[in-house]
Structures are given as C-alpha cells and as structure tokens.
Amino acid sequence: MEKTVFEKNAIRNFVKTIIAEKIEKLKNFIEFTLDATRDIKKTPKYDSMREEMQEEIYQMQRQLAALNDLQRNMSKVLNNATERVQLGSIVITNKARFYISVSLGEFFFEGDRFYAISSESPMAKKMMGMKPGDDFTLNKIHQEIVEVL
C-alpha cells in the first residue's frame, strides 16, 4: 500500500459519530417497541406477545449498554501522533488499516476500509509497541507495519 495521509482527529470523530448514531437509533427503536407493547390489545396470545417484546427490549437495552461503554471508552483514546503502536494509533499494514480504539469492527472513511479494534484484541496486542518496518504473523497471516499515525 502506498503511503496515504489520514487526518487522525477526523477518523476519531467519525468513529465517535458512528457510535452516537447507533445509540440514537437503538434508543428510538426501544421507544418504538415500548409504545407497541402498550398498544397490544387483549387477545388469547396477549401474554406471549408481551413476553416476547419484553425479551426484545431487554436485548436492545443490553446492546445500548454496550454502545454506551464504547462511547465512554472512546474518551480514553489518545489523539496524539506516535511512532509506536498504542491506544489511539492508526496502523497501516501491507494488508489492512487498523484504528486501535474500540471494538467497532469494519468501517469506511473517505472510501478507505478501516477496522476499529480494541487494544485488548489479539491483533492489537500483537502490534502494541511495534513501529513501521516491524512485521508479525497472526492466524497464519503475515503482515508488515507500513505506517503508524
């Protein structure tokens, strides 16, 4: 991969926006589902329908808690330039682009594919402390670090 310039702060803000949007969508869906449970008319299947909807609400609330944790953890992500991989680093390898931040998974920023991974992930643990030119193998896939931002 050729060297590319990425605005680290823009990527950080983009990830924060993705998380905030997911939280807002989930809150709206929870509210919609709560309203729907209130509108259920007494029918022979009333209890089972309410129970299923309550379970769905419970699952969404768990997802919401996890997203709120991601949002809190993003506040701990550093934004300063580094020479070695650490929390907050953008790592460009010969195979992919990683943002060491929170476990959000794949996202696209300005047409480029990134993977937001937690510093606790096996990939991040393998790369921690490395610098451009270092290489590593994880799951039989060999990668070389091209750039650390």
N, C-alpha and C. Protein backbone atom coordinates (compact mmCIF):
# COMPACT_ATOMS: atom_id res chain seq x y z
N MET A 1 0.84 -1.19 0.00
CA MET A 1 0.00 0.00 0.00
C MET A 1 0.88 1.24 0.00
N GLU A 2 0.47 2.22 -0.80
CA GLU A 2 1.24 3.45 -0.80
C GLU A 2 0.91 4.27 0.44
N LYS A 3 1.83 5.13 0.82
CA LYS A 3 1.59 5.97 2.00
C LYS A 3 0.45 6.94 1.70
N THR A 4 -0.46 7.01 2.61
CA THR A 4 -1.60 7.90 2.46
C THR A 4 -1.69 8.78 3.69
N VAL A 5 -2.22 9.96 3.51
CA VAL A 5 -2.36 10.86 4.64
C VAL A 5 -3.80 10.75 5.16
N PHE A 6 -3.92 10.42 6.44
CA PHE A 6 -5.23 10.36 7.08
C PHE A 6 -5.23 11.35 8.22
N GLU A 7 -6.29 12.10 8.36
CA GLU A 7 -6.44 13.03 9.46
C GLU A 7 -6.95 12.24 10.66
N LYS A 8 -6.06 12.01 11.61
CA LYS A 8 -6.37 11.17 12.76
C LYS A 8 -7.58 11.68 13.54
N ASN A 9 -7.64 12.97 13.77
CA ASN A 9 -8.75 13.54 14.52
C ASN A 9 -10.08 13.34 13.78
N ALA A 10 -10.05 13.43 12.46
CA ALA A 10 -11.26 13.23 11.66
C ALA A 10 -11.75 11.79 11.78
N ILE A 11 -10.82 10.84 11.79
CA ILE A 11 -11.20 9.42 11.94
C ILE A 11 -11.77 9.19 13.33
N ARG A 12 -11.13 9.77 14.33
CA ARG A 12 -11.61 9.63 15.72
C ARG A 12 -13.03 10.18 15.84
N ASN A 13 -13.26 11.36 15.29
CA ASN A 13 -14.59 11.97 15.33
C ASN A 13 -15.61 11.15 14.54
N PHE A 14 -15.17 10.57 13.43
CA PHE A 14 -16.05 9.74 12.61
C PHE A 14 -16.51 8.52 13.40
N VAL A 15 -15.58 7.86 14.10
CA VAL A 15 -15.93 6.69 14.91
C VAL A 15 -16.88 7.10 16.04
N LYS A 16 -16.60 8.22 16.67
CA LYS A 16 -17.49 8.70 17.74
C LYS A 16 -18.90 8.97 17.19
N THR A 17 -18.98 9.51 15.98
CA THR A 17 -20.27 9.78 15.36
C THR A 17 -21.01 8.48 15.05
N ILE A 18 -20.30 7.49 14.55
CA ILE A 18 -20.93 6.19 14.26
C ILE A 18 -21.56 5.62 15.53
N ILE A 19 -20.81 5.66 16.62
CA ILE A 19 -21.31 5.13 17.90
C ILE A 19 -22.53 5.94 18.35
N ALA A 20 -22.45 7.26 18.28
CA ALA A 20 -23.57 8.12 18.71
C ALA A 20 -24.82 7.84 17.87
N GLU A 21 -24.64 7.66 16.56
CA GLU A 21 -25.78 7.36 15.68
C GLU A 21 -26.41 6.01 16.02
N LYS A 22 -25.56 5.02 16.30
CA LYS A 22 -26.09 3.70 16.68
C LYS A 22 -26.88 3.79 17.99
N ILE A 23 -26.38 4.57 18.94
CA ILE A 23 -27.07 4.75 20.22
C ILE A 23 -28.43 5.40 19.98
N GLU A 24 -28.46 6.45 19.16
CA GLU A 24 -29.72 7.15 18.89
C GLU A 24 -30.73 6.23 18.20
N LYS A 25 -30.28 5.46 17.21
CA LYS A 25 -31.18 4.52 16.52
C LYS A 25 -31.76 3.51 17.50
N LEU A 26 -30.89 2.97 18.34
CA LEU A 26 -31.34 1.95 19.30
C LEU A 26 -32.32 2.54 20.31
N LYS A 27 -32.05 3.75 20.77
CA LYS A 27 -32.99 4.41 21.70
C LYS A 27 -34.36 4.58 21.05
N ASN A 28 -34.36 5.02 19.79
CA ASN A 28 -35.62 5.19 19.06
C ASN A 28 -36.35 3.87 18.89
N PHE A 29 -35.61 2.82 18.59
CA PHE A 29 -36.23 1.50 18.40
C PHE A 29 -36.79 0.97 19.71
N ILE A 30 -36.07 1.19 20.80
CA ILE A 30 -36.57 0.77 22.12
C ILE A 30 -37.87 1.51 22.43
N GLU A 31 -37.88 2.81 22.18
CA GLU A 31 -39.09 3.61 22.44
C GLU A 31 -40.25 3.13 21.57
N PHE A 32 -39.97 2.85 20.31
CA PHE A 32 -41.00 2.34 19.39
C PHE A 32 -41.56 1.01 19.91
N THR A 33 -40.67 0.13 20.35
CA THR A 33 -41.10 -1.19 20.84
C THR A 33 -41.90 -1.05 22.14
N LEU A 34 -41.47 -0.14 23.01
CA LEU A 34 -42.23 0.10 24.24
C LEU A 34 -43.64 0.61 23.92
N ASP A 35 -43.72 1.53 22.97
CA ASP A 35 -45.03 2.03 22.56
C ASP A 35 -45.89 0.90 22.00
N ALA A 36 -45.29 0.03 21.22
CA ALA A 36 -46.02 -1.09 20.63
C ALA A 36 -46.54 -2.04 21.71
N THR A 37 -45.78 -2.23 22.78
CA THR A 37 -46.25 -3.14 23.85
C THR A 37 -47.48 -2.55 24.54
N ARG A 38 -47.54 -1.22 24.61
CA ARG A 38 -48.69 -0.58 25.25
C ARG A 38 -49.94 -0.68 24.38
N ASP A 39 -49.72 -0.81 23.06
CA ASP A 39 -50.85 -0.84 22.12
C ASP A 39 -51.41 -2.24 21.89
N ILE A 40 -50.76 -3.25 22.44
CA ILE A 40 -51.25 -4.61 22.22
C ILE A 40 -52.61 -4.77 22.90
N LYS A 41 -53.55 -5.24 22.14
CA LYS A 41 -54.89 -5.45 22.68
C LYS A 41 -54.95 -6.83 23.35
N LYS A 42 -55.82 -6.94 24.30
CA LYS A 42 -56.01 -8.22 24.99
C LYS A 42 -56.53 -9.25 23.99
N THR A 43 -55.71 -10.24 23.73
CA THR A 43 -56.08 -11.35 22.84
C THR A 43 -55.62 -12.63 23.50
N PRO A 44 -56.01 -13.77 22.94
CA PRO A 44 -55.54 -15.03 23.53
C PRO A 44 -54.01 -15.13 23.56
N LYS A 45 -53.35 -14.44 22.63
CA LYS A 45 -51.88 -14.51 22.58
C LYS A 45 -51.22 -13.31 23.26
N TYR A 46 -51.99 -12.53 23.97
CA TYR A 46 -51.52 -11.30 24.60
C TYR A 46 -50.28 -11.51 25.47
N ASP A 47 -50.34 -12.46 26.38
CA ASP A 47 -49.22 -12.67 27.32
C ASP A 47 -47.94 -13.10 26.60
N SER A 48 -48.06 -14.01 25.65
CA SER A 48 -46.85 -14.47 24.95
C SER A 48 -46.26 -13.37 24.08
N MET A 49 -47.11 -12.54 23.46
CA MET A 49 -46.61 -11.44 22.65
C MET A 49 -45.89 -10.41 23.52
N ARG A 50 -46.49 -10.06 24.64
CA ARG A 50 -45.85 -9.09 25.55
C ARG A 50 -44.53 -9.64 26.07
N GLU A 51 -44.51 -10.92 26.38
CA GLU A 51 -43.28 -11.54 26.88
C GLU A 51 -42.17 -11.49 25.83
N GLU A 52 -42.52 -11.79 24.58
CA GLU A 52 -41.53 -11.74 23.50
C GLU A 52 -41.01 -10.31 23.31
N MET A 53 -41.91 -9.35 23.37
CA MET A 53 -41.50 -7.96 23.20
C MET A 53 -40.63 -7.50 24.37
N GLN A 54 -40.95 -7.93 25.56
CA GLN A 54 -40.13 -7.59 26.72
C GLN A 54 -38.72 -8.17 26.58
N GLU A 55 -38.64 -9.38 26.07
CA GLU A 55 -37.33 -10.00 25.84
C GLU A 55 -36.55 -9.20 24.79
N GLU A 56 -37.24 -8.77 23.75
CA GLU A 56 -36.60 -7.96 22.70
C GLU A 56 -36.08 -6.64 23.29
N ILE A 57 -36.89 -6.01 24.12
CA ILE A 57 -36.48 -4.75 24.77
C ILE A 57 -35.26 -4.98 25.65
N TYR A 58 -35.28 -6.08 26.39
CA TYR A 58 -34.14 -6.41 27.26
C TYR A 58 -32.86 -6.56 26.42
N GLN A 59 -32.94 -7.26 25.30
CA GLN A 59 -31.78 -7.44 24.43
C GLN A 59 -31.28 -6.10 23.89
N MET A 60 -32.20 -5.24 23.50
CA MET A 60 -31.81 -3.93 22.98
C MET A 60 -31.17 -3.08 24.08
N GLN A 61 -31.68 -3.19 25.30
CA GLN A 61 -31.08 -2.44 26.40
C GLN A 61 -29.66 -2.91 26.69
N ARG A 62 -29.42 -4.20 26.54
CA ARG A 62 -28.05 -4.72 26.69
C ARG A 62 -27.14 -4.16 25.60
N GLN A 63 -27.65 -4.13 24.37
CA GLN A 63 -26.87 -3.55 23.26
C GLN A 63 -26.58 -2.07 23.52
N LEU A 64 -27.58 -1.37 24.03
CA LEU A 64 -27.42 0.04 24.34
C LEU A 64 -26.35 0.25 25.41
N ALA A 65 -26.35 -0.59 26.42
CA ALA A 65 -25.32 -0.50 27.47
C ALA A 65 -23.93 -0.73 26.87
N ALA A 66 -23.82 -1.69 25.96
CA ALA A 66 -22.52 -1.97 25.32
C ALA A 66 -22.08 -0.77 24.47
N LEU A 67 -23.01 -0.15 23.75
CA LEU A 67 -22.67 1.03 22.95
C LEU A 67 -22.27 2.21 23.84
N ASN A 68 -22.95 2.36 24.97
CA ASN A 68 -22.57 3.42 25.92
C ASN A 68 -21.17 3.18 26.47
N ASP A 69 -20.82 1.91 26.69
CA ASP A 69 -19.45 1.57 27.11
C ASP A 69 -18.44 1.96 26.03
N LEU A 70 -18.77 1.67 24.76
CA LEU A 70 -17.88 2.05 23.66
C LEU A 70 -17.69 3.56 23.64
N GLN A 71 -18.79 4.28 23.83
CA GLN A 71 -18.71 5.74 23.83
C GLN A 71 -17.80 6.25 24.96
N ARG A 72 -17.95 5.65 26.14
CA ARG A 72 -17.08 6.04 27.27
C ARG A 72 -15.63 5.69 26.98
N ASN A 73 -15.40 4.52 26.42
CA ASN A 73 -14.03 4.09 26.13
C ASN A 73 -13.36 4.96 25.07
N MET A 74 -14.16 5.52 24.15
CA MET A 74 -13.58 6.39 23.12
C MET A 74 -12.98 7.65 23.75
N SER A 75 -13.48 8.05 24.91
CA SER A 75 -12.92 9.24 25.56
C SER A 75 -11.51 8.98 26.08
N LYS A 76 -11.14 7.71 26.23
CA LYS A 76 -9.80 7.36 26.70
C LYS A 76 -8.80 7.21 25.56
N VAL A 77 -9.31 7.22 24.32
CA VAL A 77 -8.45 7.01 23.16
C VAL A 77 -7.64 8.27 22.89
N LEU A 78 -6.33 8.09 22.84
CA LEU A 78 -5.41 9.21 22.62
C LEU A 78 -5.51 9.71 21.18
N ASN A 79 -5.15 10.95 20.99
CA ASN A 79 -5.25 11.51 19.65
C ASN A 79 -3.92 12.08 19.15
N ASN A 80 -2.86 11.87 19.94
CA ASN A 80 -1.57 12.43 19.55
C ASN A 80 -0.81 11.46 18.62
N ALA A 81 0.04 12.03 17.80
CA ALA A 81 0.85 11.24 16.87
C ALA A 81 1.87 10.40 17.65
N THR A 82 2.07 9.19 17.20
CA THR A 82 3.02 8.30 17.87
C THR A 82 3.89 7.60 16.83
N GLU A 83 5.03 7.14 17.27
CA GLU A 83 5.90 6.38 16.38
C GLU A 83 5.70 4.89 16.55
N ARG A 84 5.18 4.50 17.72
CA ARG A 84 4.93 3.09 18.02
C ARG A 84 3.44 2.89 18.24
N VAL A 85 2.98 1.67 17.98
CA VAL A 85 1.57 1.34 18.12
C VAL A 85 1.15 1.40 19.59
N GLN A 86 0.07 2.14 19.84
CA GLN A 86 -0.51 2.24 21.18
C GLN A 86 -2.00 2.56 21.01
N LEU A 87 -2.72 2.66 22.12
CA LEU A 87 -4.13 3.02 22.07
C LEU A 87 -4.26 4.36 21.35
N GLY A 88 -5.11 4.42 20.35
CA GLY A 88 -5.30 5.64 19.57
C GLY A 88 -4.53 5.66 18.26
N SER A 89 -3.66 4.70 18.06
CA SER A 89 -2.86 4.66 16.83
C SER A 89 -3.70 4.22 15.63
N ILE A 90 -3.37 4.78 14.50
CA ILE A 90 -3.86 4.26 13.23
C ILE A 90 -2.68 3.49 12.65
N VAL A 91 -2.90 2.22 12.39
CA VAL A 91 -1.83 1.35 11.92
C VAL A 91 -2.15 0.91 10.50
N ILE A 92 -1.25 1.23 9.58
CA ILE A 92 -1.39 0.81 8.20
C ILE A 92 -0.42 -0.35 7.99
N THR A 93 -0.96 -1.51 7.64
CA THR A 93 -0.09 -2.65 7.32
C THR A 93 -0.16 -2.88 5.81
N ASN A 94 0.61 -3.84 5.34
CA ASN A 94 0.56 -4.15 3.92
C ASN A 94 -0.75 -4.87 3.56
N LYS A 95 -1.59 -5.20 4.54
CA LYS A 95 -2.85 -5.91 4.28
C LYS A 95 -4.09 -5.10 4.65
N ALA A 96 -4.01 -4.23 5.66
CA ALA A 96 -5.21 -3.54 6.14
C ALA A 96 -4.85 -2.27 6.92
N ARG A 97 -5.90 -1.54 7.30
CA ARG A 97 -5.76 -0.34 8.12
C ARG A 97 -6.53 -0.56 9.42
N PHE A 98 -5.87 -0.31 10.54
CA PHE A 98 -6.48 -0.54 11.85
C PHE A 98 -6.49 0.75 12.66
N TYR A 99 -7.57 0.93 13.40
CA TYR A 99 -7.65 2.05 14.34
C TYR A 99 -7.77 1.41 15.72
N ILE A 100 -6.71 1.53 16.52
CA ILE A 100 -6.68 0.92 17.85
C ILE A 100 -7.49 1.83 18.78
N SER A 101 -8.73 1.43 19.03
CA SER A 101 -9.62 2.30 19.81
C SER A 101 -10.64 1.46 20.56
N VAL A 102 -11.75 1.18 19.91
CA VAL A 102 -12.81 0.37 20.50
C VAL A 102 -13.20 -0.72 19.49
N SER A 103 -13.84 -1.74 19.97
CA SER A 103 -14.22 -2.86 19.13
C SER A 103 -15.49 -2.54 18.34
N LEU A 104 -15.32 -1.82 17.24
CA LEU A 104 -16.45 -1.42 16.42
C LEU A 104 -16.50 -2.22 15.12
N GLY A 105 -15.36 -2.79 14.74
CA GLY A 105 -15.32 -3.57 13.51
C GLY A 105 -15.01 -2.71 12.29
N GLU A 106 -15.46 -3.20 11.15
CA GLU A 106 -15.16 -2.56 9.88
C GLU A 106 -15.96 -1.27 9.69
N PHE A 107 -15.28 -0.25 9.15
CA PHE A 107 -15.97 0.98 8.75
C PHE A 107 -15.20 1.58 7.58
N PHE A 108 -15.89 2.43 6.83
CA PHE A 108 -15.27 3.08 5.68
C PHE A 108 -15.17 4.57 5.97
N PHE A 109 -13.96 5.09 5.76
CA PHE A 109 -13.71 6.51 5.96
C PHE A 109 -13.10 7.07 4.69
N GLU A 110 -13.80 8.01 4.07
CA GLU A 110 -13.35 8.62 2.81
C GLU A 110 -12.96 7.57 1.78
N GLY A 111 -13.76 6.51 1.70
CA GLY A 111 -13.55 5.48 0.69
C GLY A 111 -12.54 4.41 1.06
N ASP A 112 -11.88 4.54 2.20
CA ASP A 112 -10.90 3.54 2.63
C ASP A 112 -11.49 2.68 3.74
N ARG A 113 -11.19 1.39 3.70
CA ARG A 113 -11.66 0.45 4.71
C ARG A 113 -10.72 0.44 5.91
N PHE A 114 -11.32 0.57 7.07
CA PHE A 114 -10.59 0.50 8.34
C PHE A 114 -11.24 -0.55 9.22
N TYR A 115 -10.50 -0.97 10.22
CA TYR A 115 -11.04 -1.85 11.25
C TYR A 115 -10.76 -1.19 12.60
N ALA A 116 -11.82 -0.81 13.29
CA ALA A 116 -11.68 -0.27 14.64
C ALA A 116 -11.61 -1.47 15.58
N ILE A 117 -10.46 -1.63 16.23
CA ILE A 117 -10.27 -2.78 17.12
C ILE A 117 -9.87 -2.31 18.51
N SER A 118 -10.26 -3.08 19.48
CA SER A 118 -9.94 -2.79 20.87
C SER A 118 -8.46 -3.08 21.12
N SER A 119 -7.90 -2.37 22.08
CA SER A 119 -6.49 -2.63 22.44
C SER A 119 -6.35 -4.01 23.09
N GLU A 120 -7.47 -4.61 23.48
CA GLU A 120 -7.46 -5.94 24.08
C GLU A 120 -7.57 -7.06 23.04
N SER A 121 -7.79 -6.72 21.79
CA SER A 121 -7.94 -7.73 20.74
C SER A 121 -6.59 -8.40 20.47
N PRO A 122 -6.61 -9.65 20.02
CA PRO A 122 -5.34 -10.33 19.70
C PRO A 122 -4.49 -9.57 18.68
N MET A 123 -5.15 -8.96 17.68
CA MET A 123 -4.41 -8.22 16.66
C MET A 123 -3.70 -7.02 17.28
N ALA A 124 -4.41 -6.25 18.09
CA ALA A 124 -3.81 -5.07 18.72
C ALA A 124 -2.69 -5.48 19.68
N LYS A 125 -2.93 -6.52 20.46
CA LYS A 125 -1.90 -6.98 21.40
C LYS A 125 -0.63 -7.37 20.65
N LYS A 126 -0.80 -7.98 19.49
CA LYS A 126 0.35 -8.40 18.69
C LYS A 126 1.13 -7.18 18.18
N MET A 127 0.41 -6.10 17.84
CA MET A 127 1.05 -4.92 17.24
C MET A 127 1.56 -3.92 18.27
N MET A 128 1.08 -3.97 19.50
CA MET A 128 1.45 -2.96 20.51
C MET A 128 2.96 -2.79 20.62
N GLY A 129 3.38 -1.55 20.59
CA GLY A 129 4.80 -1.23 20.74
C GLY A 129 5.61 -1.35 19.46
N MET A 130 5.01 -1.87 18.39
CA MET A 130 5.74 -2.00 17.13
C MET A 130 5.82 -0.66 16.42
N LYS A 131 6.73 -0.59 15.45
CA LYS A 131 6.92 0.63 14.67
C LYS A 131 6.94 0.26 13.18
N PRO A 132 6.88 1.26 12.30
CA PRO A 132 6.94 0.96 10.87
C PRO A 132 8.17 0.12 10.53
N GLY A 133 7.95 -0.88 9.69
CA GLY A 133 9.02 -1.79 9.30
C GLY A 133 8.97 -3.10 10.07
N ASP A 134 8.33 -3.11 11.25
CA ASP A 134 8.18 -4.34 12.02
C ASP A 134 7.13 -5.23 11.35
N ASP A 135 7.28 -6.52 11.52
CA ASP A 135 6.28 -7.43 10.97
C ASP A 135 5.85 -8.44 12.01
N PHE A 136 4.73 -9.08 11.74
CA PHE A 136 4.18 -10.06 12.68
C PHE A 136 3.29 -11.03 11.91
N THR A 137 3.00 -12.15 12.56
CA THR A 137 2.10 -13.14 11.99
C THR A 137 1.03 -13.46 13.02
N LEU A 138 -0.21 -13.42 12.58
CA LEU A 138 -1.34 -13.77 13.44
C LEU A 138 -2.30 -14.60 12.61
N ASN A 139 -2.69 -15.75 13.15
CA ASN A 139 -3.58 -16.67 12.42
C ASN A 139 -3.03 -17.02 11.04
N LYS A 140 -1.74 -17.25 10.98
CA LYS A 140 -1.03 -17.64 9.76
C LYS A 140 -1.05 -16.58 8.67
N ILE A 141 -1.37 -15.33 9.07
CA ILE A 141 -1.34 -14.22 8.12
C ILE A 141 -0.20 -13.30 8.52
N HIS A 142 0.74 -13.14 7.60
CA HIS A 142 1.93 -12.32 7.86
C HIS A 142 1.65 -10.89 7.38
N GLN A 143 1.94 -9.92 8.25
CA GLN A 143 1.73 -8.51 7.91
C GLN A 143 2.94 -7.69 8.32
N GLU A 144 3.16 -6.65 7.55
CA GLU A 144 4.23 -5.71 7.88
C GLU A 144 3.61 -4.35 8.15
N ILE A 145 4.07 -3.70 9.19
CA ILE A 145 3.56 -2.37 9.52
C ILE A 145 4.25 -1.36 8.61
N VAL A 146 3.44 -0.65 7.84
CA VAL A 146 3.94 0.33 6.88
C VAL A 146 4.02 1.71 7.53
N GLU A 147 2.99 2.02 8.33
CA GLU A 147 2.90 3.35 8.88
C GLU A 147 2.12 3.30 10.21
N VAL A 148 2.53 4.15 11.16
CA VAL A 148 1.82 4.31 12.42
C VAL A 148 1.53 5.80 12.60
N LEU A 149 0.29 6.14 12.76
CA LEU A 149 -0.11 7.55 12.92
C LEU A 149 -0.65 7.76 14.32
